[in-house]
């Protein structure tokens, strides 16, 4: 059985994700086999907030090569955009980033 910390890997900090904090949207890298329901329960358990919507995106690896080596790919991963309820508190990880 997976724990909440196995499902949520790390927060994604970008300009777009920082702007979406105002409307209570947060972005996380999650386990590739995690479902939307599992992601919602994990976020609620870890941060003590109420999730109303989860959107997931499978991000394909990019083509890369190093020097004369043959071409390879970076790893593929899964991204989750989590929308919190209006009465929910903000997630503290993102507080000092802006």
N, C-alpha and C. Protein backbone atom coordinates (compact mmCIF):
# COMPACT_ATOMS: atom_id res chain seq x y z
N UNK A 1 0.84 -1.20 0.00
CA UNK A 1 0.00 0.00 0.00
C UNK A 1 0.87 1.24 0.00
N UNK A 2 0.53 2.19 -0.85
CA UNK A 2 1.31 3.42 -0.96
C UNK A 2 0.89 4.43 0.10
N UNK A 3 1.87 5.17 0.60
CA UNK A 3 1.56 6.25 1.52
C UNK A 3 1.37 7.53 0.71
N UNK A 4 0.92 8.58 1.36
CA UNK A 4 0.71 9.86 0.69
C UNK A 4 2.03 10.42 0.16
N UNK A 5 3.12 10.13 0.87
CA UNK A 5 4.42 10.65 0.46
C UNK A 5 5.00 9.87 -0.72
N UNK A 6 4.49 8.66 -0.99
CA UNK A 6 4.87 7.92 -2.19
C UNK A 6 4.16 8.47 -3.41
N UNK A 7 2.98 9.04 -3.23
CA UNK A 7 2.19 9.55 -4.35
C UNK A 7 2.67 10.94 -4.75
N UNK A 8 2.81 11.86 -3.79
CA UNK A 8 3.25 13.23 -4.08
C UNK A 8 4.77 13.26 -3.98
N UNK A 9 5.44 13.54 -5.10
CA UNK A 9 6.90 13.49 -5.14
C UNK A 9 7.50 14.85 -4.77
N UNK A 10 7.07 15.91 -5.46
CA UNK A 10 7.63 17.24 -5.17
C UNK A 10 6.72 18.32 -5.75
N UNK A 11 6.79 19.53 -5.21
CA UNK A 11 6.04 20.64 -5.82
C UNK A 11 6.80 21.16 -7.04
N UNK A 12 6.08 21.70 -7.99
CA UNK A 12 6.66 22.30 -9.19
C UNK A 12 6.61 23.81 -9.01
N UNK A 13 7.78 24.46 -9.04
CA UNK A 13 7.86 25.90 -8.83
C UNK A 13 8.22 26.55 -10.17
N UNK A 14 7.25 27.20 -10.79
CA UNK A 14 7.48 27.94 -12.03
C UNK A 14 6.75 29.27 -11.93
N UNK A 15 6.97 30.15 -12.90
CA UNK A 15 6.27 31.43 -12.88
C UNK A 15 4.76 31.22 -12.97
N UNK A 16 4.33 30.31 -13.83
CA UNK A 16 2.90 30.07 -13.98
C UNK A 16 2.30 29.50 -12.70
N UNK A 17 2.99 28.57 -12.06
CA UNK A 17 2.44 27.98 -10.83
C UNK A 17 2.39 29.01 -9.70
N UNK A 18 3.33 29.95 -9.68
CA UNK A 18 3.31 30.99 -8.66
C UNK A 18 2.14 31.96 -8.88
N UNK A 19 1.81 32.25 -10.13
CA UNK A 19 0.66 33.13 -10.42
C UNK A 19 -0.65 32.45 -10.05
N UNK A 20 -0.72 31.12 -10.24
CA UNK A 20 -1.96 30.40 -9.94
C UNK A 20 -2.22 30.22 -8.45
N UNK A 21 -1.24 30.55 -7.61
CA UNK A 21 -1.46 30.46 -6.16
C UNK A 21 -2.57 31.40 -5.71
N UNK A 22 -2.76 32.52 -6.42
CA UNK A 22 -3.80 33.48 -6.04
C UNK A 22 -5.19 32.87 -6.15
N UNK A 23 -5.37 31.94 -7.09
CA UNK A 23 -6.67 31.30 -7.25
C UNK A 23 -6.67 29.89 -6.63
N UNK A 24 -5.71 29.65 -5.74
CA UNK A 24 -5.58 28.40 -4.97
C UNK A 24 -5.39 27.17 -5.86
N UNK A 25 -4.52 27.31 -6.87
CA UNK A 25 -4.10 26.17 -7.69
C UNK A 25 -2.63 25.90 -7.41
N UNK A 26 -2.30 24.64 -7.18
CA UNK A 26 -0.93 24.24 -6.88
C UNK A 26 -0.54 23.09 -7.80
N UNK A 27 0.74 23.02 -8.16
CA UNK A 27 1.23 22.01 -9.11
C UNK A 27 2.24 21.11 -8.42
N UNK A 28 2.09 19.79 -8.62
CA UNK A 28 2.97 18.80 -8.02
C UNK A 28 3.38 17.76 -9.04
N UNK A 29 4.59 17.20 -8.85
CA UNK A 29 4.96 15.99 -9.57
C UNK A 29 4.45 14.83 -8.73
N UNK A 30 3.76 13.89 -9.38
CA UNK A 30 3.16 12.76 -8.66
C UNK A 30 3.63 11.45 -9.28
N UNK A 31 3.37 10.34 -8.61
CA UNK A 31 3.73 9.03 -9.11
C UNK A 31 2.99 8.76 -10.42
N UNK A 32 3.66 8.08 -11.36
CA UNK A 32 3.08 7.86 -12.68
C UNK A 32 1.82 7.03 -12.65
N UNK A 33 1.68 6.14 -11.67
CA UNK A 33 0.50 5.28 -11.61
C UNK A 33 -0.57 5.79 -10.66
N UNK A 34 -0.42 7.01 -10.15
CA UNK A 34 -1.39 7.58 -9.21
C UNK A 34 -2.63 8.08 -9.95
N UNK A 35 -3.79 7.84 -9.35
CA UNK A 35 -5.05 8.32 -9.92
C UNK A 35 -5.40 9.68 -9.32
N UNK A 36 -6.39 10.34 -9.89
CA UNK A 36 -6.81 11.65 -9.39
C UNK A 36 -7.32 11.55 -7.96
N UNK A 37 -8.05 10.49 -7.65
CA UNK A 37 -8.59 10.30 -6.30
C UNK A 37 -7.45 10.11 -5.30
N UNK A 38 -6.45 9.31 -5.66
CA UNK A 38 -5.30 9.09 -4.78
C UNK A 38 -4.53 10.39 -4.55
N UNK A 39 -4.36 11.19 -5.61
CA UNK A 39 -3.65 12.47 -5.48
C UNK A 39 -4.42 13.40 -4.54
N UNK A 40 -5.73 13.49 -4.71
CA UNK A 40 -6.54 14.37 -3.86
C UNK A 40 -6.44 13.95 -2.39
N UNK A 41 -6.55 12.66 -2.11
CA UNK A 41 -6.46 12.18 -0.73
C UNK A 41 -5.08 12.42 -0.14
N UNK A 42 -4.03 12.25 -0.96
CA UNK A 42 -2.67 12.46 -0.47
C UNK A 42 -2.42 13.93 -0.13
N UNK A 43 -2.87 14.84 -0.98
CA UNK A 43 -2.70 16.29 -0.72
C UNK A 43 -3.47 16.68 0.54
N UNK A 44 -4.69 16.18 0.69
CA UNK A 44 -5.48 16.49 1.88
C UNK A 44 -4.82 15.96 3.14
N UNK A 45 -4.22 14.77 3.06
CA UNK A 45 -3.57 14.17 4.23
C UNK A 45 -2.28 14.92 4.59
N UNK A 46 -1.47 15.25 3.60
CA UNK A 46 -0.17 15.88 3.87
C UNK A 46 -0.34 17.31 4.36
N UNK A 47 -1.16 18.11 3.68
CA UNK A 47 -1.24 19.54 3.96
C UNK A 47 -2.46 19.97 4.77
N UNK A 48 -3.41 19.08 5.01
CA UNK A 48 -4.59 19.43 5.80
C UNK A 48 -5.49 20.45 5.12
N UNK A 49 -5.70 20.31 3.82
CA UNK A 49 -6.54 21.21 3.05
C UNK A 49 -7.67 20.41 2.40
N UNK A 50 -8.62 21.11 1.77
CA UNK A 50 -9.72 20.45 1.07
C UNK A 50 -9.57 20.64 -0.42
N UNK A 51 -9.43 19.55 -1.17
CA UNK A 51 -9.23 19.59 -2.62
C UNK A 51 -10.58 19.45 -3.30
N UNK A 52 -10.85 20.33 -4.30
CA UNK A 52 -12.11 20.22 -5.03
C UNK A 52 -11.91 19.72 -6.46
N UNK A 53 -10.68 19.84 -7.01
CA UNK A 53 -10.47 19.38 -8.38
C UNK A 53 -9.00 19.01 -8.57
N UNK A 54 -8.77 17.94 -9.32
CA UNK A 54 -7.41 17.51 -9.67
C UNK A 54 -7.36 17.28 -11.18
N UNK A 55 -6.37 17.87 -11.83
CA UNK A 55 -6.14 17.64 -13.24
C UNK A 55 -4.75 17.03 -13.38
N UNK A 56 -4.63 15.94 -14.15
CA UNK A 56 -3.33 15.30 -14.31
C UNK A 56 -2.89 15.36 -15.76
N UNK A 57 -1.56 15.42 -15.95
CA UNK A 57 -0.95 15.49 -17.27
C UNK A 57 0.26 14.57 -17.28
N UNK A 58 0.36 13.71 -18.30
CA UNK A 58 1.56 12.90 -18.49
C UNK A 58 2.53 13.70 -19.34
N UNK A 59 3.71 13.98 -18.79
CA UNK A 59 4.72 14.79 -19.47
C UNK A 59 5.75 13.84 -20.09
N UNK A 60 5.90 13.89 -21.41
CA UNK A 60 6.85 13.02 -22.09
C UNK A 60 8.26 13.54 -21.91
N UNK A 61 9.24 12.63 -21.93
CA UNK A 61 10.64 13.02 -21.84
C UNK A 61 11.10 13.71 -23.11
N UNK A 62 12.04 14.64 -22.96
CA UNK A 62 12.57 15.38 -24.11
C UNK A 62 13.78 14.65 -24.68
N UNK A 63 14.02 14.86 -25.98
CA UNK A 63 15.22 14.30 -26.60
C UNK A 63 16.44 15.09 -26.13
N UNK A 64 17.47 14.38 -25.73
CA UNK A 64 18.71 15.02 -25.27
C UNK A 64 19.88 14.20 -25.78
N UNK A 65 21.02 14.86 -25.92
CA UNK A 65 22.25 14.13 -26.20
C UNK A 65 23.40 14.88 -25.53
N UNK A 66 24.43 14.15 -25.17
CA UNK A 66 25.57 14.73 -24.49
C UNK A 66 26.80 14.46 -25.34
N UNK A 67 27.41 15.52 -25.84
CA UNK A 67 28.62 15.36 -26.66
C UNK A 67 28.36 14.52 -27.88
N UNK A 68 29.24 13.55 -28.12
CA UNK A 68 29.09 12.70 -29.28
C UNK A 68 28.26 11.46 -29.01
N UNK A 69 27.73 11.34 -27.80
CA UNK A 69 26.94 10.16 -27.46
C UNK A 69 25.64 10.14 -28.25
N UNK A 70 25.09 8.95 -28.45
CA UNK A 70 23.82 8.87 -29.17
C UNK A 70 22.70 9.55 -28.40
N UNK A 71 21.67 9.83 -29.11
CA UNK A 71 20.55 10.57 -28.54
C UNK A 71 19.78 9.71 -27.54
N UNK A 72 19.32 10.34 -26.46
CA UNK A 72 18.51 9.66 -25.46
C UNK A 72 17.34 10.55 -25.06
N UNK A 73 16.67 10.17 -24.01
CA UNK A 73 15.51 10.93 -23.55
C UNK A 73 15.63 11.19 -22.05
N UNK A 74 15.10 12.34 -21.60
CA UNK A 74 14.94 12.56 -20.17
C UNK A 74 13.75 11.72 -19.70
N UNK A 75 13.57 11.57 -18.41
CA UNK A 75 12.51 10.70 -17.93
C UNK A 75 11.13 11.32 -18.14
N UNK A 76 10.15 10.48 -18.35
CA UNK A 76 8.77 10.91 -18.42
C UNK A 76 8.22 10.96 -16.99
N UNK A 77 7.26 11.86 -16.75
CA UNK A 77 6.71 12.00 -15.41
C UNK A 77 5.27 12.48 -15.48
N UNK A 78 4.61 12.50 -14.34
CA UNK A 78 3.21 12.90 -14.27
C UNK A 78 3.06 14.14 -13.42
N UNK A 79 2.30 15.11 -13.92
CA UNK A 79 2.07 16.38 -13.23
C UNK A 79 0.61 16.44 -12.81
N UNK A 80 0.35 16.97 -11.62
CA UNK A 80 -1.01 17.15 -11.13
C UNK A 80 -1.22 18.61 -10.73
N UNK A 81 -2.30 19.20 -11.24
CA UNK A 81 -2.70 20.55 -10.86
C UNK A 81 -3.88 20.39 -9.90
N UNK A 82 -3.71 20.90 -8.68
CA UNK A 82 -4.68 20.71 -7.61
C UNK A 82 -5.36 22.04 -7.31
N UNK A 83 -6.69 22.06 -7.34
CA UNK A 83 -7.47 23.26 -7.01
C UNK A 83 -8.07 23.06 -5.63
N UNK A 84 -7.82 24.02 -4.72
CA UNK A 84 -8.32 23.94 -3.35
C UNK A 84 -9.64 24.71 -3.22
N UNK A 85 -10.41 24.38 -2.19
CA UNK A 85 -11.65 25.09 -1.94
C UNK A 85 -11.34 26.50 -1.44
N UNK A 86 -12.31 27.40 -1.55
CA UNK A 86 -12.13 28.79 -1.16
C UNK A 86 -11.87 28.94 0.34
N UNK A 87 -12.52 28.12 1.15
CA UNK A 87 -12.35 28.25 2.61
C UNK A 87 -11.12 27.50 3.12
N UNK A 88 -10.40 26.83 2.24
CA UNK A 88 -9.22 26.08 2.62
C UNK A 88 -8.03 27.01 2.83
N UNK A 89 -7.12 26.62 3.73
CA UNK A 89 -5.93 27.44 3.95
C UNK A 89 -4.94 27.24 2.81
N UNK A 90 -3.97 28.15 2.69
CA UNK A 90 -2.93 28.03 1.66
C UNK A 90 -1.91 26.98 2.07
N UNK A 91 -1.20 26.43 1.09
CA UNK A 91 -0.16 25.44 1.37
C UNK A 91 1.11 26.19 1.71
N UNK A 92 1.73 25.86 2.85
CA UNK A 92 2.84 26.63 3.38
C UNK A 92 4.12 26.52 2.53
N UNK A 93 4.31 25.43 1.81
CA UNK A 93 5.54 25.24 1.02
C UNK A 93 5.74 26.42 0.07
N UNK A 94 4.65 26.92 -0.50
CA UNK A 94 4.72 27.94 -1.52
C UNK A 94 4.74 29.36 -0.97
N UNK A 95 4.57 29.54 0.34
CA UNK A 95 4.41 30.86 0.93
C UNK A 95 5.59 31.78 0.70
N UNK A 96 6.81 31.35 0.94
CA UNK A 96 7.99 32.22 0.88
C UNK A 96 8.65 32.25 -0.50
N UNK A 97 8.01 31.67 -1.49
CA UNK A 97 8.59 31.61 -2.83
C UNK A 97 8.34 32.89 -3.63
N UNK A 98 7.20 33.49 -3.44
CA UNK A 98 6.80 34.63 -4.28
C UNK A 98 7.58 35.89 -3.96
